[in-house]
Amino acid sequence: MNETSLGLLFAALALLILISAFFSSSETSMMSLNRYRLKHLKGTGHRGARRAISLLQRPDRLIGLILIGNNLVNILASAIATVIAIRLFGDAGIAIATLALTLVILIFAEITPKTIAALHPERVAFPASIILVPLLKLLMPLVLSINWLTNGILKLMGFSPDTAGDDAVSQEELRTIVTESASMIPSRHRRMLVNILDLEQMTVNDIMAPRNEIYGIDIEAPDTAIMKQLKNSEHTRLPLYRDDINQTEGVFHMRNLSRVLEGGRLNRAALQEAAEAPYFIPENTPLNTQLLHFQRKKKRLGMVVDEYGDILGLVALEDILEEIVGEFTSNLVEENEEITRHPDGSTTCSGTVSIRDLNRQRSWDLPTDGPKTVSGLALEALEAFPSARASVRIAGYQIDIEEIAKTHISRLRIWPLASGATSTEQNDANA
């Protein structure tokens, strides 16, 4: 090497630094690739993705190849740099070569290429795989030998290189992916996807219409009363019961109305014959499960029952779909009767209004992990039935109890507070 010209040595050194930069950038880019995007690109026939996936199937071999190449190149570059420094500076050149080569490798062969690879992994990894795949085949004996030694050490430490990492994401990780994909998914679609993930955490008890709000037909009622219900009904399906809702005998579809009215008169036998058998749902059934049950059983309406068989409420397929896509079958008359907005930002509502419905209509965030109705939320905070008008603060909202019936709170007024107070405060006032 003493007879080699300095120009050739400098050229060889520059080439080795470039090769070292290639190995460094290849390592970072390969490990930074999005595995799900790789699978997608592979499905479209992308050759670079297929090569990258084949290399990543055994990351120990890929890392072994890159490190073998990188270390050989760096050692050779160190030797050449030492020769150059000795020729230029004599014995003092050894220290100079060590310092200079360290800075050059750090800047041009490590930090810069790895930063570029981390920022643009696909643009670096896919072209690099063209070289890495045949190079791995060429150096496979050496790679396997070194990996055999390193894998043995890993096994002694309790790690198995043959066990691939689990690429599956958890529900919370998937939620984060969806919420942070603002640039790719419209906000409405993101909300729908998040709502689908939330179905598992909700039960039919959370969205059902309570039994006191079930609009059904008592088949023991007079003909005139039943005909009035049929003509004025805003629902397509009506439960048929005898005296009490717990005695539900069927569900009548309004498309069969012409079959039960003969010459303007009610045919009770035809009414009961046209009704479908009632479908009962346990109260703790998750919404995602119930959605599948509706699909498999070809049902659109079910009666929610408790462990004793008593009917607690009613849930329809549309109720579950509204939890996903938002409200699309709203009853404006009913909304105006139960929920009234005021110019000062407050809202007056009936005590039986569902917290979820109120949150959805007003874009609020009242807690839904406890009581299902607004009155239940207020009573839980008060810890006693109020004997007079009262106010309570819950999770950044002030709830004023305005009307009290004998056994329930009939009307409340709610204000969102400027500061999100989370503590509960009570202030009783004279009625």
Protein backbone atom coordinates (compact mmCIF):
# COMPACT_ATOMS: atom_id res chain seq x y z
CA MET A 1 0.00 0.00 0.00
CA ASN A 2 3.09 2.23 0.35
CA GLU A 3 3.40 2.34 -3.43
CA THR A 4 -0.26 3.30 -3.98
CA SER A 5 -0.84 6.95 -4.86
CA LEU A 6 -2.55 9.23 -2.39
CA GLY A 7 -5.23 10.09 -4.96
CA LEU A 8 -6.21 6.43 -5.32
CA LEU A 9 -6.23 5.97 -1.55
CA PHE A 10 -8.50 9.00 -1.10
CA ALA A 11 -10.82 7.68 -3.81
CA ALA A 12 -10.96 4.26 -2.12
CA LEU A 13 -11.65 5.91 1.23
CA ALA A 14 -14.50 7.99 -0.23
CA LEU A 15 -15.98 4.87 -1.86
CA LEU A 16 -15.85 2.96 1.44
CA ILE A 17 -17.59 5.83 3.26
CA LEU A 18 -20.34 5.78 0.62
CA ILE A 19 -20.74 2.03 1.06
CA SER A 20 -20.90 2.49 4.83
CA ALA A 21 -23.60 5.15 4.31
CA PHE A 22 -25.51 2.67 2.15
CA PHE A 23 -25.50 0.00 4.87
CA SER A 24 -26.43 2.51 7.59
CA SER A 25 -29.34 3.95 5.61
CA SER A 26 -30.50 0.46 4.61
CA GLU A 27 -30.72 -0.64 8.24
CA THR A 28 -32.72 2.40 9.35
CA SER A 29 -35.05 2.42 6.33
CA MET A 30 -35.82 -1.30 6.57
CA MET A 31 -36.67 -1.06 10.25
CA SER A 32 -38.77 2.10 9.71
CA LEU A 33 -41.04 0.63 7.04
CA ASN A 34 -44.76 0.50 7.81
CA ARG A 35 -45.60 -3.22 7.81
CA TYR A 36 -49.27 -2.65 6.93
CA ARG A 37 -48.40 -0.41 4.00
CA LEU A 38 -45.89 -3.04 2.87
CA LYS A 39 -48.62 -5.69 2.83
CA HIS A 40 -50.86 -3.35 0.86
CA LEU A 41 -48.14 -2.60 -1.69
CA LYS A 42 -47.33 -6.29 -1.99
CA GLY A 43 -50.96 -6.98 -2.77
CA THR A 44 -50.76 -4.46 -5.63
CA GLY A 45 -47.73 -6.24 -7.08
CA HIS A 46 -45.04 -3.76 -5.96
CA ARG A 47 -41.69 -5.50 -6.45
CA GLY A 48 -39.79 -3.38 -3.93
CA ALA A 49 -42.37 -4.19 -1.24
CA ARG A 50 -42.10 -7.91 -1.98
CA ARG A 51 -38.31 -7.79 -1.69
CA ALA A 52 -38.52 -5.81 1.56
CA ILE A 53 -41.03 -8.25 3.08
CA SER A 54 -38.82 -11.22 2.17
CA LEU A 55 -35.86 -9.54 3.91
CA LEU A 56 -37.90 -8.62 6.99
CA GLN A 57 -39.22 -12.15 7.46
CA ARG A 58 -35.90 -12.92 9.19
CA PRO A 59 -34.73 -9.60 10.65
CA ASP A 60 -31.82 -11.31 12.42
CA ARG A 61 -30.32 -12.31 9.05
CA LEU A 62 -30.92 -8.85 7.57
CA ILE A 63 -29.30 -7.09 10.51
CA GLY A 64 -26.45 -9.60 10.46
CA LEU A 65 -25.79 -8.92 6.77
CA ILE A 66 -25.88 -5.13 7.21
CA LEU A 67 -23.64 -5.14 10.28
CA ILE A 68 -21.12 -7.52 8.68
CA GLY A 69 -20.91 -5.30 5.62
CA ASN A 70 -20.81 -2.06 7.62
CA ASN A 71 -18.10 -3.24 10.02
CA LEU A 72 -15.89 -4.68 7.26
CA VAL A 73 -16.15 -1.42 5.33
CA ASN A 74 -15.46 0.75 8.38
CA ILE A 75 -12.44 -1.33 9.41
CA LEU A 76 -11.01 -1.15 5.89
CA ALA A 77 -11.68 2.60 5.78
CA SER A 78 -9.85 2.99 9.10
CA ALA A 79 -6.81 1.17 7.74
CA ILE A 80 -6.68 3.28 4.58
CA ALA A 81 -7.17 6.50 6.55
CA THR A 82 -4.27 5.53 8.83
CA VAL A 83 -1.96 4.96 5.84
CA ILE A 84 -2.91 8.32 4.36
CA ALA A 85 -2.36 10.13 7.67
CA ILE A 86 1.06 8.52 8.26
CA ARG A 87 2.20 9.56 4.79
CA LEU A 88 1.08 13.14 5.36
CA PHE A 89 1.86 13.68 9.05
CA GLY A 90 4.19 10.87 10.09
CA ASP A 91 3.62 9.10 13.43
CA ALA A 92 1.28 11.86 14.61
CA GLY A 93 -1.01 10.97 11.74
CA ILE A 94 -2.45 7.97 13.65
CA ALA A 95 -4.21 10.23 16.16
CA ILE A 96 -5.22 12.65 13.43
CA ALA A 97 -6.66 9.82 11.30
CA THR A 98 -8.64 8.43 14.24
CA LEU A 99 -10.25 11.80 15.05
CA ALA A 100 -10.87 12.82 11.45
CA LEU A 101 -12.27 9.48 10.34
CA THR A 102 -14.57 9.33 13.38
CA LEU A 103 -16.08 12.72 12.50
CA VAL A 104 -16.38 11.85 8.80
CA ILE A 105 -18.08 8.50 9.49
CA LEU A 106 -20.45 10.01 12.06
CA ILE A 107 -21.54 12.81 9.74
CA PHE A 108 -21.48 11.21 6.28
CA ALA A 109 -21.89 7.49 7.01
CA GLU A 110 -24.16 7.43 10.06
CA ILE A 111 -26.19 10.50 11.07
CA THR A 112 -26.94 11.99 7.64
CA PRO A 113 -27.91 8.77 5.81
CA LYS A 114 -29.87 7.43 8.77
CA THR A 115 -31.80 10.70 9.10
CA ILE A 116 -32.67 10.63 5.40
CA ALA A 117 -33.69 6.96 5.68
CA ALA A 118 -35.90 7.64 8.71
CA LEU A 119 -37.66 10.50 6.88
CA HIS A 120 -38.12 8.58 3.61
CA PRO A 121 -37.91 4.87 4.42
CA GLU A 122 -39.62 3.59 1.26
CA ARG A 123 -37.50 5.73 -1.09
CA VAL A 124 -34.35 4.27 0.48
CA ALA A 125 -35.38 0.71 1.38
CA PHE A 126 -36.92 -0.36 -1.94
CA PRO A 127 -33.85 0.50 -4.10
CA ALA A 128 -31.52 -0.84 -1.40
CA SER A 129 -33.35 -4.19 -1.43
CA ILE A 130 -32.18 -4.70 -5.02
CA ILE A 131 -28.61 -4.99 -3.68
CA LEU A 132 -29.36 -6.55 -0.30
CA VAL A 133 -31.28 -9.58 -1.63
CA PRO A 134 -28.44 -10.96 -3.85
CA LEU A 135 -25.83 -9.87 -1.31
CA LEU A 136 -27.62 -11.89 1.37
CA LYS A 137 -27.60 -14.96 -0.87
CA LEU A 138 -23.89 -14.46 -1.59
CA LEU A 139 -22.88 -14.05 2.04
CA MET A 140 -25.44 -16.49 3.44
CA PRO A 141 -22.83 -18.96 4.86
CA LEU A 142 -21.06 -16.17 6.76
CA VAL A 143 -24.35 -14.63 7.93
CA LEU A 144 -25.70 -18.00 9.12
CA SER A 145 -22.49 -18.76 10.99
CA ILE A 146 -22.51 -15.47 12.85
CA ASN A 147 -26.24 -15.66 13.46
CA TRP A 148 -25.85 -19.17 14.86
CA LEU A 149 -23.49 -17.80 17.48
CA THR A 150 -25.60 -14.71 18.26
CA ASN A 151 -28.86 -16.69 18.37
CA GLY A 152 -27.26 -19.06 20.83
CA ILE A 153 -26.39 -16.12 23.07
CA LEU A 154 -29.95 -14.76 22.71
CA LYS A 155 -31.42 -18.11 23.77
CA LEU A 156 -29.21 -18.13 26.85
CA MET A 157 -30.66 -14.69 27.67
CA GLY A 158 -34.24 -15.95 27.25
CA PHE A 159 -35.00 -14.52 23.78
CA SER A 160 -36.10 -16.54 20.77
CA PRO A 161 -35.13 -15.08 17.38
CA ASP A 162 -37.55 -17.45 15.66
CA THR A 163 -40.54 -15.81 17.35
CA ALA A 164 -41.72 -12.98 15.16
CA GLY A 165 -43.22 -9.92 16.76
CA ASP A 166 -46.99 -9.56 16.78
CA ASP A 167 -47.99 -6.98 14.18
CA ALA A 168 -51.61 -6.88 15.35
CA VAL A 169 -52.74 -3.60 16.89
CA SER A 170 -54.94 -3.29 19.95
CA GLN A 171 -58.27 -1.49 19.97
CA GLU A 172 -56.77 1.57 21.64
CA GLU A 173 -53.87 1.62 19.14
CA LEU A 174 -56.36 1.37 16.27
CA ARG A 175 -58.37 4.22 17.79
CA THR A 176 -55.20 6.34 17.89
CA ILE A 177 -54.42 5.49 14.27
CA VAL A 178 -57.92 6.54 13.20
CA THR A 179 -57.99 9.77 15.21
CA GLU A 180 -54.55 10.85 13.98
CA SER A 181 -55.28 10.19 10.30
CA ALA A 182 -56.87 13.60 9.77
CA SER A 183 -55.10 14.21 6.48
CA MET A 184 -56.33 10.98 4.92
CA ILE A 185 -59.80 10.35 6.39
CA PRO A 186 -62.60 12.97 6.59
CA SER A 187 -63.67 13.89 10.11
CA ARG A 188 -67.15 12.39 9.70
CA HIS A 189 -65.68 9.07 8.56
CA ARG A 190 -63.23 9.11 11.48
CA ARG A 191 -66.12 9.57 13.90
CA MET A 192 -67.93 6.63 12.32
CA LEU A 193 -64.87 4.39 12.64
CA VAL A 194 -64.36 5.39 16.28
CA ASN A 195 -68.05 4.77 16.97
CA ILE A 196 -67.71 1.26 15.54
CA LEU A 197 -64.85 0.60 17.96
CA ASP A 198 -67.03 1.90 20.82
CA LEU A 199 -69.82 -0.59 20.11
CA GLU A 200 -67.96 -3.27 22.04
CA GLN A 201 -67.99 -1.10 25.16
CA MET A 202 -71.75 -0.40 25.00
CA THR A 203 -74.74 -2.62 25.71
CA VAL A 204 -78.34 -2.51 24.53
CA ASN A 205 -79.21 -1.13 27.96
CA ASP A 206 -77.31 2.05 27.03
CA ILE A 207 -79.41 2.94 23.99
CA MET A 208 -82.80 1.29 24.56
CA ALA A 209 -86.03 3.22 24.85
CA PRO A 210 -87.21 2.67 28.45
CA ARG A 211 -90.41 0.75 28.99
CA ASN A 212 -92.39 3.87 29.94
CA GLU A 213 -91.62 5.32 26.50
CA ILE A 214 -92.52 2.20 24.50
CA TYR A 215 -95.29 3.00 22.02
CA GLY A 216 -97.30 -0.20 21.73
CA ILE A 217 -100.84 -1.49 21.35
CA ASP A 218 -102.83 -3.03 24.17
CA ILE A 219 -104.95 -5.64 22.42
CA GLU A 220 -107.44 -5.45 25.29
CA ALA A 221 -108.11 -1.77 24.55
CA PRO A 222 -111.29 -0.69 22.72
CA ASP A 223 -111.32 -0.82 18.92
CA THR A 224 -111.49 2.96 18.63
CA ALA A 225 -108.37 3.42 20.76
CA ILE A 226 -106.40 0.82 18.78
CA MET A 227 -107.46 2.32 15.43
CA LYS A 228 -106.44 5.78 16.63
CA GLN A 229 -102.99 4.41 17.59
CA LEU A 230 -102.59 2.69 14.24
CA LYS A 231 -103.53 5.81 12.27
CA ASN A 232 -101.41 8.22 14.32
CA SER A 233 -98.35 6.02 14.79
CA GLU A 234 -95.00 7.43 13.65
CA HIS A 235 -93.35 4.02 14.00
CA THR A 236 -93.26 1.20 11.47
CA ARG A 237 -93.24 -1.56 14.10
CA LEU A 238 -95.50 -1.65 17.17
CA PRO A 239 -95.35 -4.17 20.06
CA LEU A 240 -98.65 -5.90 20.82
CA TYR A 241 -99.25 -6.62 24.50
CA ARG A 242 -102.09 -7.70 26.75
CA ASP A 243 -102.79 -5.31 29.66
CA ASP A 244 -99.09 -4.90 30.50
CA ILE A 245 -95.95 -4.50 28.38
CA ASN A 246 -94.46 -7.55 30.14
CA GLN A 247 -97.18 -9.55 28.38
CA THR A 248 -95.90 -8.75 24.90
CA GLU A 249 -97.35 -11.19 22.39
CA GLY A 250 -95.97 -9.93 19.09
CA VAL A 251 -94.74 -7.07 16.92
CA PHE A 252 -97.03 -5.59 14.28
CA HIS A 253 -95.60 -4.08 11.07
CA MET A 254 -97.51 -1.12 9.66
CA ARG A 255 -97.21 -2.49 6.12
CA ASN A 256 -99.92 -4.98 7.14
CA LEU A 257 -102.34 -2.22 8.15
CA SER A 258 -104.65 -2.79 5.19
CA ARG A 259 -105.06 -6.44 6.22
CA VAL A 260 -106.45 -5.61 9.68
CA LEU A 261 -108.85 -2.85 8.62
CA GLU A 262 -111.98 -4.08 6.91
CA GLY A 263 -114.42 -1.43 5.81
CA GLY A 264 -113.00 1.01 8.33
CA ARG A 265 -113.35 -1.47 11.18
CA LEU A 266 -110.65 -3.29 13.13
CA ASN A 267 -110.21 -7.04 12.72
CA ARG A 268 -108.57 -8.14 15.99
CA ALA A 269 -107.94 -11.67 14.80
CA ALA A 270 -106.16 -10.39 11.70
CA LEU A 271 -104.16 -7.96 13.86
CA GLN A 272 -102.81 -10.74 16.04
CA GLU A 273 -102.28 -13.07 13.10
CA ALA A 274 -100.24 -10.45 11.21
CA ALA A 275 -97.95 -9.84 14.20
CA GLU A 276 -94.50 -11.45 14.30
CA ALA A 277 -93.28 -13.36 17.33
CA PRO A 278 -91.53 -11.04 19.80
CA TYR A 279 -87.74 -11.07 19.93
CA PHE A 280 -86.16 -10.73 23.39
CA ILE A 281 -82.66 -9.43 24.14
CA PRO A 282 -80.71 -9.81 27.42
CA GLU A 283 -79.96 -6.37 28.89
CA ASN A 284 -76.16 -6.75 28.95
CA THR A 285 -75.75 -7.76 25.31
CA PRO A 286 -72.93 -5.71 23.67
CA LEU A 287 -74.05 -3.59 20.73
CA ASN A 288 -71.60 -5.18 18.29
CA THR A 289 -72.98 -8.61 19.21
CA GLN A 290 -76.58 -7.47 18.94
CA LEU A 291 -75.92 -5.95 15.52
CA LEU A 292 -74.82 -9.39 14.30
CA HIS A 293 -77.84 -11.02 15.95
CA PHE A 294 -80.19 -8.63 14.15
CA GLN A 295 -78.51 -9.53 10.89
CA ARG A 296 -78.53 -13.31 11.41
CA LYS A 297 -82.07 -13.51 12.75
CA LYS A 298 -83.44 -11.02 10.18
CA LYS A 299 -84.88 -8.86 12.97
CA ARG A 300 -85.07 -5.08 13.29
CA LEU A 301 -86.66 -4.72 16.74
CA GLY A 302 -86.18 -6.45 20.08
CA MET A 303 -87.50 -6.21 23.65
CA VAL A 304 -84.77 -5.83 26.27
CA VAL A 305 -85.36 -8.04 29.32
CA ASP A 306 -83.60 -8.42 32.66
CA GLU A 307 -82.61 -11.61 34.43
CA TYR A 308 -86.14 -12.03 35.78
CA GLY A 309 -87.76 -11.76 32.36
CA ASP A 310 -89.26 -8.31 32.94
CA ILE A 311 -89.16 -5.99 29.94
CA LEU A 312 -86.87 -3.01 30.53
CA GLY A 313 -87.16 -1.32 27.18
CA LEU A 314 -87.03 -1.61 23.43
CA VAL A 315 -84.13 -1.39 20.99
CA ALA A 316 -84.26 -1.20 17.21
CA LEU A 317 -81.67 -1.79 14.53
CA GLU A 318 -81.85 1.91 13.68
CA ASP A 319 -80.77 2.75 17.25
CA ILE A 320 -77.51 0.83 16.80
CA LEU A 321 -76.90 2.31 13.35
CA GLU A 322 -77.37 5.81 14.78
CA GLU A 323 -74.59 5.09 17.28
CA ILE A 324 -72.31 4.56 14.26
CA VAL A 325 -73.38 7.14 11.68
CA GLY A 326 -75.19 9.64 13.88
CA GLU A 327 -78.85 10.51 14.06
CA PHE A 328 -80.69 10.12 10.78
CA THR A 329 -84.25 9.34 11.81
CA SER A 330 -84.86 12.16 14.25
CA ASN A 331 -88.37 13.08 15.33
CA LEU A 332 -88.39 16.88 15.36
CA VAL A 333 -91.68 17.11 17.24
CA GLU A 334 -90.44 14.84 19.98
CA GLU A 335 -87.12 16.70 20.15
CA ASN A 336 -88.88 20.04 20.58
CA GLU A 337 -91.04 18.63 23.32
CA GLU A 338 -88.24 17.04 25.34
CA ILE A 339 -85.18 19.18 24.55
CA THR A 340 -85.33 22.96 24.23
CA ARG A 341 -82.30 25.11 23.48
CA HIS A 342 -82.01 28.64 24.84
CA PRO A 343 -80.06 31.65 23.53
CA ASP A 344 -77.85 31.73 26.63
CA GLY A 345 -76.41 28.31 25.73
CA SER A 346 -78.48 26.37 28.26
CA THR A 347 -80.83 23.52 27.47
CA THR A 348 -84.08 22.53 29.13
CA CYS A 349 -85.01 18.87 28.91
CA SER A 350 -87.20 16.19 30.39
CA GLY A 351 -85.70 14.05 33.12
CA THR A 352 -86.20 10.91 31.04
CA VAL A 353 -84.01 12.16 28.19
CA SER A 354 -81.10 9.83 27.45
CA ILE A 355 -77.67 11.28 28.24
CA ARG A 356 -76.31 9.87 24.98
CA ASP A 357 -79.10 11.52 22.97
CA LEU A 358 -78.47 14.84 24.71
CA ASN A 359 -74.71 14.58 24.10
CA ARG A 360 -75.33 13.77 20.46
CA GLN A 361 -77.79 16.63 19.85
CA ARG A 362 -75.85 19.28 21.77
CA SER A 363 -72.30 18.02 21.12
CA TRP A 364 -71.76 17.76 24.87
CA ASP A 365 -69.68 15.39 26.93
CA LEU A 366 -71.82 14.49 29.92
CA PRO A 367 -70.60 11.24 31.57
CA THR A 368 -72.27 8.10 30.20
CA ASP A 369 -70.54 5.43 32.28
CA GLY A 370 -73.19 5.55 35.03
CA PRO A 371 -76.90 6.45 34.83
CA LYS A 372 -78.57 6.44 31.44
CA THR A 373 -80.89 9.45 31.87
CA VAL A 374 -80.33 13.06 32.86
CA SER A 375 -82.47 12.69 35.98
CA GLY A 376 -80.50 9.60 37.01
CA LEU A 377 -77.26 11.55 36.60
CA ALA A 378 -78.55 14.34 38.84
CA LEU A 379 -79.85 11.92 41.48
CA GLU A 380 -76.55 10.07 41.56
CA ALA A 381 -74.74 13.34 42.26
CA LEU A 382 -77.28 14.48 44.88
CA GLU A 383 -77.29 11.04 46.57
CA ALA A 384 -80.89 11.67 47.66
CA PHE A 385 -84.21 12.56 46.14
CA PRO A 386 -84.55 16.36 46.32
CA SER A 387 -87.43 17.86 48.24
CA ALA A 388 -86.98 21.24 46.52
CA ARG A 389 -85.28 22.76 43.53
CA ALA A 390 -81.56 22.11 43.53
CA SER A 391 -78.40 22.63 41.48
CA VAL A 392 -75.51 20.26 40.94
CA ARG A 393 -72.26 20.54 39.00
CA ILE A 394 -71.01 17.49 37.17
CA ALA A 395 -68.01 17.21 34.83
CA GLY A 396 -68.08 20.86 33.77
CA TYR A 397 -71.87 21.19 33.52
CA GLN A 398 -74.39 22.81 35.86
CA ILE A 399 -77.69 20.95 36.18
CA ASP A 400 -80.64 22.83 37.72
CA ILE A 401 -83.64 20.75 38.81
CA GLU A 402 -86.67 22.87 37.89
CA GLU A 403 -89.63 20.52 38.28
CA ILE A 404 -90.08 17.59 40.64
CA ALA A 405 -92.91 15.07 40.46
CA LYS A 406 -93.81 12.71 43.28
CA THR A 407 -91.48 9.92 42.20
CA HIS A 408 -89.18 11.46 39.62
CA ILE A 409 -87.48 14.60 38.35
CA SER A 410 -89.61 15.86 35.49
CA ARG A 411 -87.60 18.83 34.18
CA LEU A 412 -84.01 20.07 34.30
CA ARG A 413 -81.95 22.91 32.88
CA ILE A 414 -78.30 22.37 31.96
CA TRP A 415 -75.47 24.86 31.36
CA PRO A 416 -72.00 24.01 30.11
CA LEU A 417 -69.57 25.83 32.40
CA ALA A 418 -66.65 27.83 31.09
CA SER A 419 -64.21 25.97 33.36
CA GLY A 420 -64.36 22.20 33.37
CA ALA A 421 -65.15 21.61 36.99
CA THR A 422 -65.05 17.95 37.80
CA SER A 423 -66.08 18.08 41.39
CA THR A 424 -69.71 17.84 42.43
CA GLU A 425 -71.29 20.81 44.17
CA GLN A 426 -74.82 21.15 45.50
CA ASN A 427 -76.88 24.28 46.15
CA ASP A 428 -80.43 23.86 47.36
CA ALA A 429 -82.96 26.64 46.89
CA ASN A 430 -86.48 27.16 47.98
CA ALA A 431 -89.13 25.86 45.68
